[in-house]
Protein backbone atom coordinates (compact mmCIF):
# COMPACT_ATOMS: atom_id res chain seq x y z
CA UNK A 1 103.59 -9.55 132.53
CA UNK A 2 105.29 -6.46 133.88
CA UNK A 3 106.58 -5.41 130.46
CA UNK A 4 103.13 -5.93 129.05
CA UNK A 5 101.63 -3.63 131.68
CA UNK A 6 104.37 -0.93 131.22
CA UNK A 7 103.66 -1.11 127.49
CA UNK A 8 100.02 -0.58 127.89
CA UNK A 9 100.69 2.40 130.19
CA UNK A 10 103.16 3.95 127.91
CA UNK A 11 100.84 3.38 124.90
CA UNK A 12 97.84 5.01 126.77
CA UNK A 13 99.98 7.94 127.90
CA UNK A 14 101.09 8.63 124.43
CA UNK A 15 97.62 8.39 123.05
CA UNK A 16 96.39 10.65 125.89
CA UNK A 17 98.98 13.28 125.17
CA UNK A 18 98.41 13.02 121.48
CA UNK A 19 94.69 13.44 121.84
CA UNK A 20 94.92 16.58 123.82
CA UNK A 21 97.62 17.95 121.56
CA UNK A 22 100.04 18.34 124.44
CA UNK A 23 102.84 16.74 122.45
CA UNK A 24 102.94 16.66 118.66
CA UNK A 25 102.54 13.26 116.96
CA UNK A 26 106.06 13.36 115.51
CA UNK A 27 107.54 13.87 119.00
CA UNK A 28 105.66 10.83 120.23
CA UNK A 29 106.73 8.96 117.25
CA UNK A 30 110.53 9.90 117.93
CA UNK A 31 110.05 8.93 121.59
CA UNK A 32 108.70 5.55 120.68
CA UNK A 33 111.64 4.89 118.11
CA UNK A 34 114.21 5.77 120.75
CA UNK A 35 112.56 3.59 123.41
CA UNK A 36 112.57 0.62 121.06
CA UNK A 37 116.22 1.15 120.22
CA UNK A 38 117.21 1.52 123.79
CA UNK A 39 115.36 -1.72 124.71
CA UNK A 40 116.99 -3.46 121.88
CA UNK A 41 120.45 -2.26 123.12
CA UNK A 42 119.76 -3.40 126.80
CA UNK A 43 118.53 -6.76 125.74
CA UNK A 44 121.53 -7.34 123.60
CA UNK A 45 123.83 -6.26 126.55
CA UNK A 46 121.96 -8.64 128.86
CA UNK A 47 122.34 -11.52 126.46
CA UNK A 48 125.95 -10.84 125.94
CA UNK A 49 126.66 -10.72 129.66
CA UNK A 50 124.78 -14.03 130.24
CA UNK A 51 126.96 -15.67 127.54
CA UNK A 52 130.13 -14.41 129.23
CA UNK A 53 129.10 -15.89 132.62
CA UNK A 54 128.37 -19.32 131.02
CA UNK A 55 131.84 -19.32 129.29
CA UNK A 56 133.77 -18.45 132.57
């Protein structure tokens, strides 16, 4: 539930910034791409860490 709330807040913030032309659309897209990549890396590291605990 927390991730969903954070996702909505980030989407709303990006939409608000884009609508007032504070940040260009390509920069918002780049930030979304980087955030998705970092989230994938974090999930992968957490999953790997969990498997190491089970094996030991």
